[in-house]
Amino acid sequence: RKKKEERRKREGGGKREKMEYISAEGLRQDGRRARELRRTRCKLAVLEKPDGSAYYEQGNTKVLASVYGPREVRKGRGKGSGDKA
């Protein structure tokens, strides 16, 4: 135990502050309760030109993904141009 305390002092201080994720009122920083989840939405085929696309949303995070292909590999593009599919 004594060695741990000595090492902690050498590494930059004694006791570390405990970070609070939930307030005294029981809320997170974004206003949700401890057991409350963020709203989640998902939509498929949201774009016309790609072969596949999807929109995903969770809270303030939003993602739009699209897939084009498969396509033939072009020769001579860059050094060691990846897969030889």
PDB file of N, CA and C in Angstrom:
ATOM      1  N   ARG A   1       0.826  -1.186   0.000  1.00  0.00           N
ATOM      2  CA  ARG A   1       0.000   0.000   0.000  1.00  0.00           C
ATOM      3  C   ARG A   1       0.873   1.253   0.000  1.00  0.00           C
ATOM      4  N   LYS A   2       1.915   1.223   0.769  1.00  0.00           N
ATOM      5  CA  LYS A   2       2.794   2.381   0.865  1.00  0.00           C
ATOM      6  C   LYS A   2       3.475   2.660  -0.480  1.00  0.00           C
ATOM      7  N   LYS A   3       3.861   1.591  -1.187  1.00  0.00           N
ATOM      8  CA  LYS A   3       4.507   1.755  -2.490  1.00  0.00           C
ATOM      9  C   LYS A   3       3.552   2.387  -3.499  1.00  0.00           C
ATOM     10  N   LYS A   4       2.276   2.000  -3.442  1.00  0.00           N
ATOM     11  CA  LYS A   4       1.286   2.579  -4.349  1.00  0.00           C
ATOM     12  C   LYS A   4       1.142   4.075  -4.110  1.00  0.00           C
ATOM     13  N   GLU A   5       1.106   4.469  -2.846  1.00  0.00           N
ATOM     14  CA  GLU A   5       0.986   5.889  -2.512  1.00  0.00           C
ATOM     15  C   GLU A   5       2.199   6.669  -2.988  1.00  0.00           C
ATOM     16  N   GLU A   6       3.389   6.102  -2.809  1.00  0.00           N
ATOM     17  CA  GLU A   6       4.609   6.766  -3.271  1.00  0.00           C
ATOM     18  C   GLU A   6       4.609   6.910  -4.784  1.00  0.00           C
ATOM     19  N   ARG A   7       4.195   5.852  -5.482  1.00  0.00           N
ATOM     20  CA  ARG A   7       4.153   5.911  -6.950  1.00  0.00           C
ATOM     21  C   ARG A   7       3.137   6.947  -7.413  1.00  0.00           C
ATOM     22  N   ARG A   8       1.978   7.034  -6.755  1.00  0.00           N
ATOM     23  CA  ARG A   8       0.958   8.001  -7.119  1.00  0.00           C
ATOM     24  C   ARG A   8       1.479   9.424  -6.956  1.00  0.00           C
ATOM     25  N   LYS A   9       2.231   9.678  -5.895  1.00  0.00           N
ATOM     26  CA  LYS A   9       2.803  11.003  -5.680  1.00  0.00           C
ATOM     27  C   LYS A   9       3.805  11.353  -6.768  1.00  0.00           C
ATOM     28  N   ARG A  10       4.632  10.374  -7.160  1.00  0.00           N
ATOM     29  CA  ARG A  10       5.622  10.611  -8.222  1.00  0.00           C
ATOM     30  C   ARG A  10       4.950  10.896  -9.557  1.00  0.00           C
ATOM     31  N   GLU A  11       3.833  10.241  -9.833  1.00  0.00           N
ATOM     32  CA  GLU A  11       3.169  10.341 -11.133  1.00  0.00           C
ATOM     33  C   GLU A  11       2.294  11.586 -11.260  1.00  0.00           C
ATOM     34  N   GLY A  12       2.283  12.437 -10.317  1.00  0.00           N
ATOM     35  CA  GLY A  12       1.570  13.687 -10.514  1.00  0.00           C
ATOM     36  C   GLY A  12       0.495  14.011  -9.519  1.00  0.00           C
ATOM     37  N   GLY A  13       0.681  13.653  -8.313  1.00  0.00           N
ATOM     38  CA  GLY A  13      -0.265  14.124  -7.308  1.00  0.00           C
ATOM     39  C   GLY A  13      -0.815  13.034  -6.437  1.00  0.00           C
ATOM     40  N   GLY A  14      -1.456  13.473  -5.413  1.00  0.00           N
ATOM     41  CA  GLY A  14      -2.055  12.557  -4.448  1.00  0.00           C
ATOM     42  C   GLY A  14      -3.379  12.020  -4.950  1.00  0.00           C
ATOM     43  N   LYS A  15      -4.462  12.494  -4.361  1.00  0.00           N
ATOM     44  CA  LYS A  15      -5.781  11.985  -4.711  1.00  0.00           C
ATOM     45  C   LYS A  15      -6.272  12.615  -6.005  1.00  0.00           C
ATOM     46  N   ARG A  16      -6.916  11.793  -6.807  1.00  0.00           N
ATOM     47  CA  ARG A  16      -7.496  12.290  -8.049  1.00  0.00           C
ATOM     48  C   ARG A  16      -8.936  12.681  -7.801  1.00  0.00           C
ATOM     49  N   GLU A  17      -9.389  13.703  -8.555  1.00  0.00           N
ATOM     50  CA  GLU A  17     -10.775  14.127  -8.419  1.00  0.00           C
ATOM     51  C   GLU A  17     -11.676  13.107  -9.104  1.00  0.00           C
ATOM     52  N   LYS A  18     -12.794  12.821  -8.477  1.00  0.00           N
ATOM     53  CA  LYS A  18     -13.758  11.906  -9.052  1.00  0.00           C
ATOM     54  C   LYS A  18     -14.670  12.688  -9.994  1.00  0.00           C
ATOM     55  N   MET A  19     -14.766  12.224 -11.246  1.00  0.00           N
ATOM     56  CA  MET A  19     -15.586  12.909 -12.232  1.00  0.00           C
ATOM     57  C   MET A  19     -17.048  12.487 -12.066  1.00  0.00           C
ATOM     58  N   GLU A  20     -17.940  13.450 -11.983  1.00  0.00           N
ATOM     59  CA  GLU A  20     -19.360  13.167 -11.794  1.00  0.00           C
ATOM     60  C   GLU A  20     -20.057  13.183 -13.145  1.00  0.00           C
ATOM     61  N   TYR A  21     -20.706  12.056 -13.497  1.00  0.00           N
ATOM     62  CA  TYR A  21     -21.449  11.959 -14.741  1.00  0.00           C
ATOM     63  C   TYR A  21     -22.926  12.271 -14.528  1.00  0.00           C
ATOM     64  N   ILE A  22     -23.406  12.109 -13.296  1.00  0.00           N
ATOM     65  CA  ILE A  22     -24.806  12.335 -12.978  1.00  0.00           C
ATOM     66  C   ILE A  22     -24.886  13.386 -11.871  1.00  0.00           C
ATOM     67  N   SER A  23     -25.737  14.379 -12.081  1.00  0.00           N
ATOM     68  CA  SER A  23     -25.848  15.478 -11.118  1.00  0.00           C
ATOM     69  C   SER A  23     -26.570  15.012  -9.858  1.00  0.00           C
ATOM     70  N   ALA A  24     -26.606  15.891  -8.878  1.00  0.00           N
ATOM     71  CA  ALA A  24     -27.297  15.580  -7.628  1.00  0.00           C
ATOM     72  C   ALA A  24     -28.802  15.390  -7.867  1.00  0.00           C
ATOM     73  N   GLU A  25     -29.335  16.005  -8.931  1.00  0.00           N
ATOM     74  CA  GLU A  25     -30.753  15.859  -9.272  1.00  0.00           C
ATOM     75  C   GLU A  25     -31.025  14.561 -10.027  1.00  0.00           C
ATOM     76  N   GLY A  26     -29.972  13.788 -10.350  1.00  0.00           N
ATOM     77  CA  GLY A  26     -30.143  12.525 -11.062  1.00  0.00           C
ATOM     78  C   GLY A  26     -30.163  12.660 -12.567  1.00  0.00           C
ATOM     79  N   LEU A  27     -29.619  13.773 -13.090  1.00  0.00           N
ATOM     80  CA  LEU A  27     -29.620  14.017 -14.534  1.00  0.00           C
ATOM     81  C   LEU A  27     -28.206  13.991 -15.105  1.00  0.00           C
ATOM     82  N   ARG A  28     -28.101  13.565 -16.354  1.00  0.00           N
ATOM     83  CA  ARG A  28     -26.817  13.642 -17.074  1.00  0.00           C
ATOM     84  C   ARG A  28     -26.630  15.058 -17.587  1.00  0.00           C
ATOM     85  N   GLN A  29     -25.469  15.322 -18.192  1.00  0.00           N
ATOM     86  CA  GLN A  29     -25.189  16.659 -18.700  1.00  0.00           C
ATOM     87  C   GLN A  29     -26.149  17.072 -19.810  1.00  0.00           C
ATOM     88  N   ASP A  30     -26.654  16.101 -20.588  1.00  0.00           N
ATOM     89  CA  ASP A  30     -27.578  16.436 -21.672  1.00  0.00           C
ATOM     90  C   ASP A  30     -29.041  16.448 -21.233  1.00  0.00           C
ATOM     91  N   GLY A  31     -29.300  16.272 -19.920  1.00  0.00           N
ATOM     92  CA  GLY A  31     -30.647  16.384 -19.397  1.00  0.00           C
ATOM     93  C   GLY A  31     -31.397  15.071 -19.237  1.00  0.00           C
ATOM     94  N   ARG A  32     -30.819  13.948 -19.676  1.00  0.00           N
ATOM     95  CA  ARG A  32     -31.481  12.649 -19.531  1.00  0.00           C
ATOM     96  C   ARG A  32     -31.311  12.119 -18.116  1.00  0.00           C
ATOM     97  N   ARG A  33     -32.231  11.281 -17.695  1.00  0.00           N
ATOM     98  CA  ARG A  33     -32.099  10.581 -16.420  1.00  0.00           C
ATOM     99  C   ARG A  33     -31.098   9.444 -16.586  1.00  0.00           C
ATOM    100  N   ALA A  34     -30.652   8.862 -15.490  1.00  0.00           N
ATOM    101  CA  ALA A  34     -29.613   7.833 -15.519  1.00  0.00           C
ATOM    102  C   ALA A  34     -30.001   6.622 -16.361  1.00  0.00           C
ATOM    103  N   ARG A  35     -31.264   6.227 -16.329  1.00  0.00           N
ATOM    104  CA  ARG A  35     -31.706   5.031 -17.061  1.00  0.00           C
ATOM    105  C   ARG A  35     -32.412   5.362 -18.371  1.00  0.00           C
ATOM    106  N   GLU A  36     -32.367   6.604 -18.791  1.00  0.00           N
ATOM    107  CA  GLU A  36     -33.045   7.037 -20.014  1.00  0.00           C
ATOM    108  C   GLU A  36     -32.072   6.988 -21.189  1.00  0.00           C
ATOM    109  N   LEU A  37     -32.510   6.395 -22.298  1.00  0.00           N
ATOM    110  CA  LEU A  37     -31.671   6.276 -23.486  1.00  0.00           C
ATOM    111  C   LEU A  37     -31.916   7.434 -24.436  1.00  0.00           C
ATOM    112  N   ARG A  38     -30.937   7.678 -25.295  1.00  0.00           N
ATOM    113  CA  ARG A  38     -31.113   8.686 -26.333  1.00  0.00           C
ATOM    114  C   ARG A  38     -32.045   8.145 -27.413  1.00  0.00           C
ATOM    115  N   ARG A  39     -32.736   9.031 -28.081  1.00  0.00           N
ATOM    116  CA  ARG A  39     -33.631   8.641 -29.165  1.00  0.00           C
ATOM    117  C   ARG A  39     -32.799   8.091 -30.329  1.00  0.00           C
ATOM    118  N   THR A  40     -33.260   6.989 -30.921  1.00  0.00           N
ATOM    119  CA  THR A  40     -32.560   6.360 -32.034  1.00  0.00           C
ATOM    120  C   THR A  40     -33.497   6.273 -33.226  1.00  0.00           C
ATOM    121  N   ARG A  41     -32.989   6.653 -34.412  1.00  0.00           N
ATOM    122  CA  ARG A  41     -33.752   6.540 -35.654  1.00  0.00           C
ATOM    123  C   ARG A  41     -32.867   5.927 -36.723  1.00  0.00           C
ATOM    124  N   CYS A  42     -33.463   5.143 -37.606  1.00  0.00           N
ATOM    125  CA  CYS A  42     -32.727   4.547 -38.713  1.00  0.00           C
ATOM    126  C   CYS A  42     -33.635   4.489 -39.928  1.00  0.00           C
ATOM    127  N   LYS A  43     -33.113   4.939 -41.080  1.00  0.00           N
ATOM    128  CA  LYS A  43     -33.862   4.874 -42.335  1.00  0.00           C
ATOM    129  C   LYS A  43     -32.963   4.211 -43.374  1.00  0.00           C
ATOM    130  N   LEU A  44     -33.544   3.354 -44.189  1.00  0.00           N
ATOM    131  CA  LEU A  44     -32.808   2.683 -45.259  1.00  0.00           C
ATOM    132  C   LEU A  44     -33.224   3.247 -46.615  1.00  0.00           C
ATOM    133  N   ALA A  45     -32.314   3.129 -47.596  1.00  0.00           N
ATOM    134  CA  ALA A  45     -32.565   3.580 -48.970  1.00  0.00           C
ATOM    135  C   ALA A  45     -32.991   5.048 -49.004  1.00  0.00           C
ATOM    136  N   VAL A  46     -32.196   5.912 -48.402  1.00  0.00           N
ATOM    137  CA  VAL A  46     -32.543   7.335 -48.337  1.00  0.00           C
ATOM    138  C   VAL A  46     -32.030   8.125 -49.541  1.00  0.00           C
ATOM    139  N   LEU A  47     -31.091   7.576 -50.306  1.00  0.00           N
ATOM    140  CA  LEU A  47     -30.564   8.232 -51.502  1.00  0.00           C
ATOM    141  C   LEU A  47     -30.886   7.393 -52.739  1.00  0.00           C
ATOM    142  N   GLU A  48     -31.051   8.035 -53.892  1.00  0.00           N
ATOM    143  CA  GLU A  48     -31.442   7.323 -55.101  1.00  0.00           C
ATOM    144  C   GLU A  48     -30.266   6.752 -55.887  1.00  0.00           C
ATOM    145  N   LYS A  49     -29.171   7.490 -56.050  1.00  0.00           N
ATOM    146  CA  LYS A  49     -28.069   7.057 -56.923  1.00  0.00           C
ATOM    147  C   LYS A  49     -27.236   5.897 -56.385  1.00  0.00           C
ATOM    148  N   PRO A  50     -26.921   5.839 -55.108  1.00  0.00           N
ATOM    149  CA  PRO A  50     -26.109   4.721 -54.621  1.00  0.00           C
ATOM    150  C   PRO A  50     -26.850   3.392 -54.694  1.00  0.00           C
ATOM    151  N   ASP A  51     -26.084   2.292 -54.675  1.00  0.00           N
ATOM    152  CA  ASP A  51     -26.682   0.958 -54.652  1.00  0.00           C
ATOM    153  C   ASP A  51     -27.325   0.667 -53.300  1.00  0.00           C
ATOM    154  N   GLY A  52     -26.874   1.324 -52.273  1.00  0.00           N
ATOM    155  CA  GLY A  52     -27.455   1.181 -50.948  1.00  0.00           C
ATOM    156  C   GLY A  52     -27.134   2.407 -50.119  1.00  0.00           C
ATOM    157  N   SER A  53     -28.028   2.767 -49.224  1.00  0.00           N
ATOM    158  CA  SER A  53     -27.771   3.920 -48.356  1.00  0.00           C
ATOM    159  C   SER A  53     -28.578   3.781 -47.075  1.00  0.00           C
ATOM    160  N   ALA A  54     -28.109   4.454 -46.032  1.00  0.00           N
ATOM    161  CA  ALA A  54     -28.794   4.413 -44.743  1.00  0.00           C
ATOM    162  C   ALA A  54     -28.504   5.696 -43.983  1.00  0.00           C
ATOM    163  N   TYR A  55     -29.465   6.084 -43.152  1.00  0.00           N
ATOM    164  CA  TYR A  55     -29.332   7.232 -42.264  1.00  0.00           C
ATOM    165  C   TYR A  55     -29.556   6.717 -40.852  1.00  0.00           C
ATOM    166  N   TYR A  56     -28.631   7.038 -39.946  1.00  0.00           N
ATOM    167  CA  TYR A  56     -28.727   6.595 -38.552  1.00  0.00           C
ATOM    168  C   TYR A  56     -28.551   7.804 -37.653  1.00  0.00           C
ATOM    169  N   GLU A  57     -29.398   7.900 -36.652  1.00  0.00           N
ATOM    170  CA  GLU A  57     -29.336   9.026 -35.716  1.00  0.00           C
ATOM    171  C   GLU A  57     -29.509   8.507 -34.299  1.00  0.00           C
ATOM    172  N   GLN A  58     -28.612   8.949 -33.406  1.00  0.00           N
ATOM    173  CA  GLN A  58     -28.735   8.629 -31.987  1.00  0.00           C
ATOM    174  C   GLN A  58     -28.356   9.879 -31.208  1.00  0.00           C
ATOM    175  N   GLY A  59     -29.348  10.503 -30.598  1.00  0.00           N
ATOM    176  CA  GLY A  59     -29.097  11.768 -29.900  1.00  0.00           C
ATOM    177  C   GLY A  59     -28.668  12.835 -30.892  1.00  0.00           C
ATOM    178  N   ASN A  60     -27.529  13.477 -30.645  1.00  0.00           N
ATOM    179  CA  ASN A  60     -27.021  14.513 -31.543  1.00  0.00           C
ATOM    180  C   ASN A  60     -26.105  13.955 -32.627  1.00  0.00           C
ATOM    181  N   THR A  61     -25.851  12.653 -32.620  1.00  0.00           N
ATOM    182  CA  THR A  61     -24.971  12.031 -33.608  1.00  0.00           C
ATOM    183  C   THR A  61     -25.792  11.580 -34.799  1.00  0.00           C
ATOM    184  N   LYS A  62     -25.375  12.029 -35.996  1.00  0.00           N
ATOM    185  CA  LYS A  62     -26.078  11.676 -37.223  1.00  0.00           C
ATOM    186  C   LYS A  62     -25.077  11.124 -38.228  1.00  0.00           C
ATOM    187  N   VAL A  63     -25.454  10.007 -38.900  1.00  0.00           N
ATOM    188  CA  VAL A  63     -24.569   9.363 -39.868  1.00  0.00           C
ATOM    189  C   VAL A  63     -25.363   9.082 -41.133  1.00  0.00           C
ATOM    190  N   LEU A  64     -24.770   9.410 -42.280  1.00  0.00           N
ATOM    191  CA  LEU A  64     -25.332   9.082 -43.576  1.00  0.00           C
ATOM    192  C   LEU A  64     -24.295   8.257 -44.311  1.00  0.00           C
ATOM    193  N   ALA A  65     -24.653   7.020 -44.679  1.00  0.00           N
ATOM    194  CA  ALA A  65     -23.709   6.123 -45.350  1.00  0.00           C
ATOM    195  C   ALA A  65     -24.287   5.698 -46.687  1.00  0.00           C
ATOM    196  N   SER A  66     -23.401   5.552 -47.679  1.00  0.00           N
ATOM    197  CA  SER A  66     -23.845   5.085 -48.990  1.00  0.00           C
ATOM    198  C   SER A  66     -22.830   4.107 -49.558  1.00  0.00           C
ATOM    199  N   VAL A  67     -23.331   3.196 -50.402  1.00  0.00           N
ATOM    200  CA  VAL A  67     -22.498   2.158 -51.009  1.00  0.00           C
ATOM    201  C   VAL A  67     -22.662   2.242 -52.517  1.00  0.00           C
ATOM    202  N   TYR A  68     -21.540   2.297 -53.221  1.00  0.00           N
ATOM    203  CA  TYR A  68     -21.519   2.279 -54.679  1.00  0.00           C
ATOM    204  C   TYR A  68     -20.699   1.076 -55.110  1.00  0.00           C
ATOM    205  N   GLY A  69     -21.237   0.236 -55.962  1.00  0.00           N
ATOM    206  CA  GLY A  69     -20.406  -0.865 -56.437  1.00  0.00           C
ATOM    207  C   GLY A  69     -21.189  -2.143 -56.515  1.00  0.00           C
ATOM    208  N   PRO A  70     -20.538  -3.233 -56.792  1.00  0.00           N
ATOM    209  CA  PRO A  70     -19.095  -3.361 -57.009  1.00  0.00           C
ATOM    210  C   PRO A  70     -18.678  -2.791 -58.360  1.00  0.00           C
ATOM    211  N   ARG A  71     -17.415  -2.451 -58.467  1.00  0.00           N
ATOM    212  CA  ARG A  71     -16.843  -1.914 -59.708  1.00  0.00           C
ATOM    213  C   ARG A  71     -15.579  -2.665 -60.038  1.00  0.00           C
ATOM    214  N   GLU A  72     -15.216  -2.636 -61.292  1.00  0.00           N
ATOM    215  CA  GLU A  72     -13.971  -3.249 -61.734  1.00  0.00           C
ATOM    216  C   GLU A  72     -12.792  -2.427 -61.222  1.00  0.00           C
ATOM    217  N   VAL A  73     -11.725  -3.109 -60.851  1.00  0.00           N
ATOM    218  CA  VAL A  73     -10.523  -2.436 -60.384  1.00  0.00           C
ATOM    219  C   VAL A  73      -9.800  -1.848 -61.582  1.00  0.00           C
ATOM    220  N   ARG A  74      -9.413  -0.581 -61.484  1.00  0.00           N
ATOM    221  CA  ARG A  74      -8.656   0.075 -62.546  1.00  0.00           C
ATOM    222  C   ARG A  74      -7.171  -0.149 -62.322  1.00  0.00           C
ATOM    223  N   LYS A  75      -6.473  -0.496 -63.373  1.00  0.00           N
ATOM    224  CA  LYS A  75      -5.028  -0.719 -63.268  1.00  0.00           C
ATOM    225  C   LYS A  75      -4.280   0.610 -63.376  1.00  0.00           C
ATOM    226  N   GLY A  76      -3.133   0.672 -62.666  1.00  0.00           N
ATOM    227  CA  GLY A  76      -2.274   1.843 -62.785  1.00  0.00           C
ATOM    228  C   GLY A  76      -2.671   3.029 -61.930  1.00  0.00           C
ATOM    229  N   ARG A  77      -3.544   2.850 -61.000  1.00  0.00           N
ATOM    230  CA  ARG A  77      -3.925   3.966 -60.129  1.00  0.00           C
ATOM    231  C   ARG A  77      -3.184   3.866 -58.813  1.00  0.00           C
ATOM    232  N   GLY A  78      -2.159   4.646 -58.641  1.00  0.00           N
ATOM    233  CA  GLY A  78      -1.409   4.672 -57.394  1.00  0.00           C
ATOM    234  C   GLY A  78      -0.485   3.489 -57.243  1.00  0.00           C
ATOM    235  N   LYS A  79       0.303   3.532 -56.209  1.00  0.00           N
ATOM    236  CA  LYS A  79       1.235   2.435 -55.917  1.00  0.00           C
ATOM    237  C   LYS A  79       0.517   1.364 -55.122  1.00  0.00           C
ATOM    238  N   GLY A  80       0.510   0.139 -55.623  1.00  0.00           N
ATOM    239  CA  GLY A  80      -0.120  -0.953 -54.896  1.00  0.00           C
ATOM    240  C   GLY A  80      -1.556  -0.622 -54.534  1.00  0.00           C
ATOM    241  N   SER A  81      -2.395  -0.434 -55.518  1.00  0.00           N
ATOM    242  CA  SER A  81      -3.727   0.107 -55.312  1.00  0.00           C
ATOM    243  C   SER A  81      -4.699  -0.852 -54.632  1.00  0.00           C
ATOM    244  N   GLY A  82      -4.323  -1.439 -53.524  1.00  0.00           N
ATOM    245  CA  GLY A  82      -5.248  -2.178 -52.684  1.00  0.00           C
ATOM    246  C   GLY A  82      -5.611  -3.542 -53.204  1.00  0.00           C
ATOM    247  N   ASP A  83      -6.885  -3.900 -53.049  1.00  0.00           N
ATOM    248  CA  ASP A  83      -7.363  -5.224 -53.414  1.00  0.00           C
ATOM    249  C   ASP A  83      -7.270  -5.464 -54.919  1.00  0.00           C
ATOM    250  N   LYS A  84      -7.090  -6.702 -55.265  1.00  0.00           N
ATOM    251  CA  LYS A  84      -7.023  -7.109 -56.673  1.00  0.00           C
ATOM    252  C   LYS A  84      -8.282  -7.886 -57.035  1.00  0.00           C
ATOM    253  N   ALA A  85      -9.415  -7.466 -56.559  1.00  0.00           N
ATOM    254  CA  ALA A  85     -10.680  -8.188 -56.743  1.00  0.00           C
ATOM    255  C   ALA A  85     -11.099  -8.297 -58.186  1.00  0.00           C
TER     256      ALA A  85
END
